[in-house]
PDB file of all heavy atoms in Angstrom:
ATOM      1  N   PRO A   1       0.815  -1.234   0.000  1.00  0.00           N
ATOM      2  CA  PRO A   1       0.000   0.000   0.000  1.00  0.00           C
ATOM      3  C   PRO A   1       0.836   1.266   0.000  1.00  0.00           C
ATOM      4  O   PRO A   1       0.473   2.243  -0.632  1.00  0.00           O
ATOM      5  CB  PRO A   1      -0.812  -0.131   1.290  1.00  0.00           C
ATOM      6  CG  PRO A   1      -0.866  -1.594   1.549  1.00  0.00           C
ATOM      7  CD  PRO A   1       0.454  -2.125   1.085  1.00  0.00           C
ATOM      8  N   ALA A   2       1.982   1.275   0.678  1.00  0.00           N
ATOM      9  CA  ALA A   2       2.837   2.467   0.684  1.00  0.00           C
ATOM     10  C   ALA A   2       3.422   2.733  -0.683  1.00  0.00           C
ATOM     11  O   ALA A   2       3.552   3.867  -1.121  1.00  0.00           O
ATOM     12  CB  ALA A   2       3.953   2.305   1.717  1.00  0.00           C
ATOM     13  N   LEU A   3       3.829   1.671  -1.410  1.00  0.00           N
ATOM     14  CA  LEU A   3       4.371   1.846  -2.757  1.00  0.00           C
ATOM     15  C   LEU A   3       3.335   2.402  -3.705  1.00  0.00           C
ATOM     16  O   LEU A   3       3.632   3.219  -4.565  1.00  0.00           O
ATOM     17  CB  LEU A   3       4.892   0.502  -3.282  1.00  0.00           C
ATOM     18  CG  LEU A   3       6.107  -0.071  -2.518  1.00  0.00           C
ATOM     19  CD1 LEU A   3       6.450  -1.449  -3.059  1.00  0.00           C
ATOM     20  CD2 LEU A   3       7.307   0.864  -2.653  1.00  0.00           C
ATOM     21  N   ASP A   4       2.116   1.965  -3.566  1.00  0.00           N
ATOM     22  CA  ASP A   4       1.061   2.481  -4.442  1.00  0.00           C
ATOM     23  C   ASP A   4       0.869   3.969  -4.247  1.00  0.00           C
ATOM     24  O   ASP A   4       0.643   4.716  -5.191  1.00  0.00           O
ATOM     25  CB  ASP A   4      -0.245   1.748  -4.158  1.00  0.00           C
ATOM     26  CG  ASP A   4      -0.129   0.269  -4.565  1.00  0.00           C
ATOM     27  OD1 ASP A   4       0.774  -0.023  -5.358  1.00  0.00           O
ATOM     28  OD2 ASP A   4      -0.928  -0.550  -4.067  1.00  0.00           O
ATOM     29  N   VAL A   5       0.981   4.442  -3.000  1.00  0.00           N
ATOM     30  CA  VAL A   5       0.808   5.871  -2.737  1.00  0.00           C
ATOM     31  C   VAL A   5       1.916   6.676  -3.396  1.00  0.00           C
ATOM     32  O   VAL A   5       1.702   7.732  -3.967  1.00  0.00           O
ATOM     33  CB  VAL A   5       0.752   6.118  -1.220  1.00  0.00           C
ATOM     34  CG1 VAL A   5       0.687   7.599  -0.913  1.00  0.00           C
ATOM     35  CG2 VAL A   5      -0.472   5.407  -0.634  1.00  0.00           C
ATOM     36  N   VAL A   6       3.120   6.170  -3.319  1.00  0.00           N
ATOM     37  CA  VAL A   6       4.256   6.898  -3.901  1.00  0.00           C
ATOM     38  C   VAL A   6       4.145   6.968  -5.402  1.00  0.00           C
ATOM     39  O   VAL A   6       4.418   7.971  -6.034  1.00  0.00           O
ATOM     40  CB  VAL A   6       5.576   6.226  -3.484  1.00  0.00           C
ATOM     41  CG1 VAL A   6       6.752   6.880  -4.176  1.00  0.00           C
ATOM     42  CG2 VAL A   6       5.737   6.307  -1.983  1.00  0.00           C
ATOM     43  N   GLN A   7       3.702   5.876  -6.046  1.00  0.00           N
ATOM     44  CA  GLN A   7       3.593   5.864  -7.497  1.00  0.00           C
ATOM     45  C   GLN A   7       2.435   6.713  -7.990  1.00  0.00           C
ATOM     46  O   GLN A   7       2.471   7.259  -9.081  1.00  0.00           O
ATOM     47  CB  GLN A   7       3.405   4.425  -7.969  1.00  0.00           C
ATOM     48  CG  GLN A   7       4.657   3.567  -7.715  1.00  0.00           C
ATOM     49  CD  GLN A   7       4.433   2.118  -8.086  1.00  0.00           C
ATOM     50  OE1 GLN A   7       3.338   1.771  -8.509  1.00  0.00           O
ATOM     51  NE2 GLN A   7       5.458   1.309  -7.911  1.00  0.00           N
ATOM     52  N   GLN A   8       1.402   6.843  -7.197  1.00  0.00           N
ATOM     53  CA  GLN A   8       0.253   7.612  -7.659  1.00  0.00           C
ATOM     54  C   GLN A   8       0.407   9.101  -7.433  1.00  0.00           C
ATOM     55  O   GLN A   8      -0.310   9.877  -8.019  1.00  0.00           O
ATOM     56  CB  GLN A   8      -1.004   7.134  -6.928  1.00  0.00           C
ATOM     57  CG  GLN A   8      -1.390   5.693  -7.303  1.00  0.00           C
ATOM     58  CD  GLN A   8      -2.533   5.194  -6.477  1.00  0.00           C
ATOM     59  OE1 GLN A   8      -3.072   5.957  -5.704  1.00  0.00           O
ATOM     60  NE2 GLN A   8      -2.885   3.939  -6.673  1.00  0.00           N
ATOM     61  N   THR A   9       1.356   9.528  -6.597  1.00  0.00           N
ATOM     62  CA  THR A   9       1.489  10.956  -6.302  1.00  0.00           C
ATOM     63  C   THR A   9       1.900  11.772  -7.507  1.00  0.00           C
ATOM     64  O   THR A   9       1.289  12.794  -7.793  1.00  0.00           O
ATOM     65  CB  THR A   9       2.486  11.141  -5.149  1.00  0.00           C
ATOM     66  OG1 THR A   9       1.991  10.412  -4.021  1.00  0.00           O
ATOM     67  CG2 THR A   9       2.637  12.604  -4.801  1.00  0.00           C
ATOM     68  N   PRO A  10       2.924  11.378  -8.317  1.00  0.00           N
ATOM     69  CA  PRO A  10       3.271  12.191  -9.492  1.00  0.00           C
ATOM     70  C   PRO A  10       2.151  12.249 -10.503  1.00  0.00           C
ATOM     71  O   PRO A  10       1.946  13.244 -11.171  1.00  0.00           O
ATOM     72  CB  PRO A  10       4.504  11.480 -10.048  1.00  0.00           C
ATOM     73  CG  PRO A  10       5.046  10.714  -8.907  1.00  0.00           C
ATOM     74  CD  PRO A  10       3.887  10.302  -8.115  1.00  0.00           C
ATOM     75  N   ALA A  11       1.403  11.168 -10.606  1.00  0.00           N
ATOM     76  CA  ALA A  11       0.324  11.166 -11.595  1.00  0.00           C
ATOM     77  C   ALA A  11      -0.722  12.191 -11.256  1.00  0.00           C
ATOM     78  O   ALA A  11      -1.275  12.845 -12.120  1.00  0.00           O
ATOM     79  CB  ALA A  11      -0.299   9.773 -11.668  1.00  0.00           C
ATOM     80  N   ARG A  12      -0.995  12.374 -10.002  1.00  0.00           N
ATOM     81  CA  ARG A  12      -1.981  13.377  -9.625  1.00  0.00           C
ATOM     82  C   ARG A  12      -1.415  14.786  -9.777  1.00  0.00           C
ATOM     83  O   ARG A  12      -2.140  15.727 -10.031  1.00  0.00           O
ATOM     84  CB  ARG A  12      -2.418  13.128  -8.171  1.00  0.00           C
ATOM     85  CG  ARG A  12      -3.262  11.863  -8.002  1.00  0.00           C
ATOM     86  CD  ARG A  12      -3.954  11.879  -6.660  1.00  0.00           C
ATOM     87  NE  ARG A  12      -2.980  11.894  -5.572  1.00  0.00           N
ATOM     88  CZ  ARG A  12      -2.535  10.804  -4.974  1.00  0.00           C
ATOM     89  NH1 ARG A  12      -2.948   9.608  -5.372  1.00  0.00           N
ATOM     90  NH2 ARG A  12      -1.663  10.894  -3.966  1.00  0.00           N
ATOM     91  N   SER A  13      -0.069  14.947  -9.594  1.00  0.00           N
ATOM     92  CA  SER A  13       0.520  16.285  -9.675  1.00  0.00           C
ATOM     93  C   SER A  13       0.621  16.792 -11.096  1.00  0.00           C
ATOM     94  O   SER A  13       0.848  17.960 -11.325  1.00  0.00           O
ATOM     95  CB  SER A  13       1.918  16.280  -9.042  1.00  0.00           C
ATOM     96  OG  SER A  13       2.762  15.412  -9.788  1.00  0.00           O
ATOM     97  N   ARG A  14       0.472  15.922 -12.094  1.00  0.00           N
ATOM     98  CA  ARG A  14       0.539  16.345 -13.485  1.00  0.00           C
ATOM     99  C   ARG A  14      -0.788  16.826 -14.019  1.00  0.00           C
ATOM    100  O   ARG A  14      -0.947  17.049 -15.202  1.00  0.00           O
ATOM    101  CB  ARG A  14       1.024  15.173 -14.355  1.00  0.00           C
ATOM    102  CG  ARG A  14       2.471  14.803 -14.067  1.00  0.00           C
ATOM    103  CD  ARG A  14       2.906  13.662 -14.959  1.00  0.00           C
ATOM    104  NE  ARG A  14       4.258  13.247 -14.642  1.00  0.00           N
ATOM    105  CZ  ARG A  14       5.358  13.795 -15.172  1.00  0.00           C
ATOM    106  NH1 ARG A  14       5.242  14.781 -16.024  1.00  0.00           N
ATOM    107  NH2 ARG A  14       6.549  13.360 -14.849  1.00  0.00           N
ATOM    108  N   GLU A  15      -1.782  17.001 -13.225  1.00  0.00           N
ATOM    109  CA  GLU A  15      -3.097  17.457 -13.671  1.00  0.00           C
ATOM    110  C   GLU A  15      -3.424  18.765 -12.987  1.00  0.00           C
ATOM    111  O   GLU A  15      -4.112  18.815 -11.980  1.00  0.00           O
ATOM    112  CB  GLU A  15      -4.169  16.416 -13.347  1.00  0.00           C
ATOM    113  CG  GLU A  15      -3.917  15.071 -14.044  1.00  0.00           C
ATOM    114  CD  GLU A  15      -4.953  14.058 -13.687  1.00  0.00           C
ATOM    115  OE1 GLU A  15      -5.855  14.414 -12.894  1.00  0.00           O
ATOM    116  OE2 GLU A  15      -4.890  12.915 -14.167  1.00  0.00           O
ATOM    117  N   PRO A  16      -2.888  19.868 -13.521  1.00  0.00           N
ATOM    118  CA  PRO A  16      -3.142  21.167 -12.875  1.00  0.00           C
ATOM    119  C   PRO A  16      -4.591  21.586 -12.951  1.00  0.00           C
ATOM    120  O   PRO A  16      -5.089  22.304 -12.116  1.00  0.00           O
ATOM    121  CB  PRO A  16      -2.234  22.132 -13.635  1.00  0.00           C
ATOM    122  CG  PRO A  16      -2.032  21.480 -14.957  1.00  0.00           C
ATOM    123  CD  PRO A  16      -2.018  20.012 -14.710  1.00  0.00           C
ATOM    124  N   SER A  17      -5.305  21.142 -13.984  1.00  0.00           N
ATOM    125  CA  SER A  17      -6.692  21.568 -14.117  1.00  0.00           C
ATOM    126  C   SER A  17      -7.554  21.025 -12.986  1.00  0.00           C
ATOM    127  O   SER A  17      -8.487  21.659 -12.540  1.00  0.00           O
ATOM    128  CB  SER A  17      -7.265  21.123 -15.462  1.00  0.00           C
ATOM    129  OG  SER A  17      -7.194  19.699 -15.556  1.00  0.00           O
ATOM    130  N   SER A  18      -7.192  19.820 -12.541  1.00  0.00           N
ATOM    131  CA  SER A  18      -7.990  19.237 -11.465  1.00  0.00           C
ATOM    132  C   SER A  18      -7.606  19.766 -10.107  1.00  0.00           C
ATOM    133  O   SER A  18      -8.405  19.781  -9.202  1.00  0.00           O
ATOM    134  CB  SER A  18      -7.859  17.710 -11.486  1.00  0.00           C
ATOM    135  OG  SER A  18      -6.509  17.351 -11.264  1.00  0.00           O
ATOM    136  N   THR A  19      -6.357  20.208  -9.956  1.00  0.00           N
ATOM    137  CA  THR A  19      -5.942  20.706  -8.652  1.00  0.00           C
ATOM    138  C   THR A  19      -6.579  22.032  -8.329  1.00  0.00           C
ATOM    139  O   THR A  19      -6.852  22.336  -7.177  1.00  0.00           O
ATOM    140  CB  THR A  19      -4.422  20.848  -8.601  1.00  0.00           C
ATOM    141  OG1 THR A  19      -4.007  21.684  -9.670  1.00  0.00           O
ATOM    142  CG2 THR A  19      -3.765  19.497  -8.749  1.00  0.00           C
ATOM    143  N   TRP A  20      -6.817  22.850  -9.329  1.00  0.00           N
ATOM    144  CA  TRP A  20      -7.434  24.149  -9.062  1.00  0.00           C
ATOM    145  C   TRP A  20      -8.935  24.053  -8.784  1.00  0.00           C
ATOM    146  O   TRP A  20      -9.547  25.015  -8.348  1.00  0.00           O
ATOM    147  CB  TRP A  20      -7.219  25.087 -10.267  1.00  0.00           C
ATOM    148  CG  TRP A  20      -5.797  25.529 -10.411  1.00  0.00           C
ATOM    149  CD1 TRP A  20      -4.881  25.081 -11.292  1.00  0.00           C
ATOM    150  CD2 TRP A  20      -5.159  26.518  -9.623  1.00  0.00           C
ATOM    151  NE1 TRP A  20      -3.673  25.704 -11.118  1.00  0.00           N
ATOM    152  CE2 TRP A  20      -3.814  26.616 -10.090  1.00  0.00           C
ATOM    153  CE3 TRP A  20      -5.556  27.350  -8.554  1.00  0.00           C
ATOM    154  CZ2 TRP A  20      -2.894  27.484  -9.548  1.00  0.00           C
ATOM    155  CZ3 TRP A  20      -4.643  28.211  -8.022  1.00  0.00           C
ATOM    156  CH2 TRP A  20      -3.312  28.272  -8.513  1.00  0.00           C
ATOM    157  N   SER A  21      -9.496  22.911  -9.025  1.00  0.00           N
ATOM    158  CA  SER A  21     -10.934  22.766  -8.776  1.00  0.00           C
ATOM    159  C   SER A  21     -11.250  22.434  -7.326  1.00  0.00           C
ATOM    160  O   SER A  21     -12.387  22.361  -6.960  1.00  0.00           O
ATOM    161  CB  SER A  21     -11.521  21.672  -9.675  1.00  0.00           C
ATOM    162  OG  SER A  21     -10.912  20.430  -9.354  1.00  0.00           O
ATOM    163  N   THR A  22     -10.234  22.239  -6.519  1.00  0.00           N
ATOM    164  CA  THR A  22     -10.452  21.923  -5.107  1.00  0.00           C
ATOM    165  C   THR A  22     -10.038  23.085  -4.248  1.00  0.00           C
ATOM    166  O   THR A  22      -9.351  23.995  -4.688  1.00  0.00           O
ATOM    167  CB  THR A  22      -9.651  20.673  -4.727  1.00  0.00           C
ATOM    168  OG1 THR A  22      -8.277  20.941  -4.926  1.00  0.00           O
ATOM    169  CG2 THR A  22     -10.046  19.471  -5.582  1.00  0.00           C
ATOM    170  N   ASN A  23     -10.408  23.043  -3.029  1.00  0.00           N
ATOM    171  CA  ASN A  23     -10.055  24.081  -2.080  1.00  0.00           C
ATOM    172  C   ASN A  23      -8.707  23.852  -1.447  1.00  0.00           C
ATOM    173  O   ASN A  23      -8.242  24.655  -0.662  1.00  0.00           O
ATOM    174  CB  ASN A  23     -11.119  24.172  -0.978  1.00  0.00           C
ATOM    175  CG  ASN A  23     -12.458  24.610  -1.553  1.00  0.00           C
ATOM    176  OD1 ASN A  23     -12.483  25.372  -2.528  1.00  0.00           O
ATOM    177  ND2 ASN A  23     -13.541  24.139  -0.955  1.00  0.00           N
ATOM    178  N   LYS A  24      -8.117  22.684  -1.703  1.00  0.00           N
ATOM    179  CA  LYS A  24      -6.826  22.400  -1.113  1.00  0.00           C
ATOM    180  C   LYS A  24      -5.727  23.176  -1.846  1.00  0.00           C
ATOM    181  O   LYS A  24      -5.862  23.539  -3.004  1.00  0.00           O
ATOM    182  CB  LYS A  24      -6.532  20.897  -1.169  1.00  0.00           C
ATOM    183  CG  LYS A  24      -7.506  20.077  -0.312  1.00  0.00           C
ATOM    184  CD  LYS A  24      -7.132  18.630  -0.376  1.00  0.00           C
ATOM    185  CE  LYS A  24      -8.084  17.816   0.484  1.00  0.00           C
ATOM    186  NZ  LYS A  24      -7.754  16.377   0.453  1.00  0.00           N
ATOM    187  N   ARG A  25      -4.666  23.405  -1.125  1.00  0.00           N
ATOM    188  CA  ARG A  25      -3.533  24.140  -1.703  1.00  0.00           C
ATOM    189  C   ARG A  25      -2.844  23.280  -2.754  1.00  0.00           C
ATOM    190  O   ARG A  25      -2.423  22.174  -2.472  1.00  0.00           O
ATOM    191  CB  ARG A  25      -2.556  24.508  -0.598  1.00  0.00           C
ATOM    192  CG  ARG A  25      -1.393  25.349  -1.081  1.00  0.00           C
ATOM    193  CD  ARG A  25      -0.498  25.684   0.087  1.00  0.00           C
ATOM    194  NE  ARG A  25      -1.250  26.426   1.074  1.00  0.00           N
ATOM    195  CZ  ARG A  25      -0.781  26.699   2.300  1.00  0.00           C
ATOM    196  NH1 ARG A  25       0.413  26.274   2.670  1.00  0.00           N
ATOM    197  NH2 ARG A  25      -1.506  27.390   3.158  1.00  0.00           N
ATOM    198  N   PRO A  26      -2.723  23.799  -3.997  1.00  0.00           N
ATOM    199  CA  PRO A  26      -2.103  22.978  -5.055  1.00  0.00           C
ATOM    200  C   PRO A  26      -0.604  22.900  -4.864  1.00  0.00           C
ATOM    201  O   PRO A  26       0.035  23.789  -4.324  1.00  0.00           O
ATOM    202  CB  PRO A  26      -2.476  23.714  -6.342  1.00  0.00           C
ATOM    203  CG  PRO A  26      -2.641  25.123  -5.922  1.00  0.00           C
ATOM    204  CD  PRO A  26      -3.195  25.101  -4.516  1.00  0.00           C
ATOM    205  N   ALA A  27      -0.075  21.784  -5.328  1.00  0.00           N
ATOM    206  CA  ALA A  27       1.393  21.616  -5.280  1.00  0.00           C
ATOM    207  C   ALA A  27       2.040  22.423  -6.392  1.00  0.00           C
ATOM    208  O   ALA A  27       1.458  22.636  -7.462  1.00  0.00           O
ATOM    209  CB  ALA A  27       1.742  20.139  -5.437  1.00  0.00           C
ATOM    210  N   PRO A  28       3.237  22.926  -6.176  1.00  0.00           N
ATOM    211  CA  PRO A  28       3.917  23.727  -7.223  1.00  0.00           C
ATOM    212  C   PRO A  28       4.259  22.883  -8.450  1.00  0.00           C
ATOM    213  O   PRO A  28       4.631  21.714  -8.326  1.00  0.00           O
ATOM    214  CB  PRO A  28       5.182  24.219  -6.522  1.00  0.00           C
ATOM    215  CG  PRO A  28       5.397  23.242  -5.410  1.00  0.00           C
ATOM    216  CD  PRO A  28       4.062  22.818  -4.985  1.00  0.00           C
ATOM    217  N   VAL A  29       4.053  23.478  -9.617  1.00  0.00           N
ATOM    218  CA  VAL A  29       4.330  22.811 -10.906  1.00  0.00           C
ATOM    219  C   VAL A  29       5.610  23.400 -11.489  1.00  0.00           C
ATOM    220  O   VAL A  29       5.721  24.617 -11.686  1.00  0.00           O
ATOM    221  CB  VAL A  29       3.152  22.995 -11.889  1.00  0.00           C
ATOM    222  CG1 VAL A  29       3.453  22.317 -13.205  1.00  0.00           C
ATOM    223  CG2 VAL A  29       1.881  22.455 -11.269  1.00  0.00           C
ATOM    224  N   ILE A  30       6.556  22.556 -11.746  1.00  0.00           N
ATOM    225  CA  ILE A  30       7.853  22.983 -12.293  1.00  0.00           C
ATOM    226  C   ILE A  30       7.967  22.447 -13.708  1.00  0.00           C
ATOM    227  O   ILE A  30       7.853  21.244 -13.946  1.00  0.00           O
ATOM    228  CB  ILE A  30       9.013  22.464 -11.423  1.00  0.00           C
ATOM    229  CG1 ILE A  30       8.836  22.987  -9.976  1.00  0.00           C
ATOM    230  CG2 ILE A  30      10.353  22.876 -11.998  1.00  0.00           C
ATOM    231  CD1 ILE A  30       9.847  22.419  -9.012  1.00  0.00           C
ATOM    232  N   ASP A  31       8.130  23.345 -14.639  1.00  0.00           N
ATOM    233  CA  ASP A  31       8.280  22.964 -16.051  1.00  0.00           C
ATOM    234  C   ASP A  31       9.761  22.746 -16.338  1.00  0.00           C
ATOM    235  O   ASP A  31      10.554  23.691 -16.320  1.00  0.00           O
ATOM    236  CB  ASP A  31       7.696  24.050 -16.950  1.00  0.00           C
ATOM    237  CG  ASP A  31       7.585  23.580 -18.403  1.00  0.00           C
ATOM    238  OD1 ASP A  31       7.947  22.423 -18.690  1.00  0.00           O
ATOM    239  OD2 ASP A  31       7.103  24.375 -19.218  1.00  0.00           O
ATOM    240  N   LEU A  32      10.135  21.517 -16.591  1.00  0.00           N
ATOM    241  CA  LEU A  32      11.539  21.181 -16.847  1.00  0.00           C
ATOM    242  C   LEU A  32      11.943  21.362 -18.301  1.00  0.00           C
ATOM    243  O   LEU A  32      13.106  21.164 -18.662  1.00  0.00           O
ATOM    244  CB  LEU A  32      11.795  19.731 -16.427  1.00  0.00           C
ATOM    245  CG  LEU A  32      11.508  19.412 -14.940  1.00  0.00           C
ATOM    246  CD1 LEU A  32      11.768  17.949 -14.668  1.00  0.00           C
ATOM    247  CD2 LEU A  32      12.333  20.279 -14.035  1.00  0.00           C
ATOM    248  N   THR A  33      11.000  21.742 -19.181  1.00  0.00           N
ATOM    249  CA  THR A  33      11.327  21.915 -20.622  1.00  0.00           C
ATOM    250  C   THR A  33      11.892  23.283 -20.926  1.00  0.00           C
ATOM    251  O   THR A  33      12.350  23.542 -22.032  1.00  0.00           O
ATOM    252  CB  THR A  33      10.072  21.699 -21.458  1.00  0.00           C
ATOM    253  OG1 THR A  33       9.074  22.643 -21.043  1.00  0.00           O
ATOM    254  CG2 THR A  33       9.512  20.281 -21.207  1.00  0.00           C
ATOM    255  N   VAL A  34      11.863  24.221 -19.970  1.00  0.00           N
ATOM    256  CA  VAL A  34      12.379  25.575 -20.211  1.00  0.00           C
ATOM    257  C   VAL A  34      13.895  25.554 -20.052  1.00  0.00           C
ATOM    258  O   VAL A  34      14.418  25.042 -19.053  1.00  0.00           O
ATOM    259  CB  VAL A  34      11.741  26.568 -19.226  1.00  0.00           C
ATOM    260  CG1 VAL A  34      12.242  27.964 -19.483  1.00  0.00           C
ATOM    261  CG2 VAL A  34      10.217  26.509 -19.360  1.00  0.00           C
TER     262      VAL A  34
END
């Protein structure tokens, strides 16, 4: 169960559109292509 949490965290952080729809504080998004 702990491994599943770690693997699912980046997947959720790559969806900025969904993070702004909640009241929780969004995680910072860093664009590595610049």
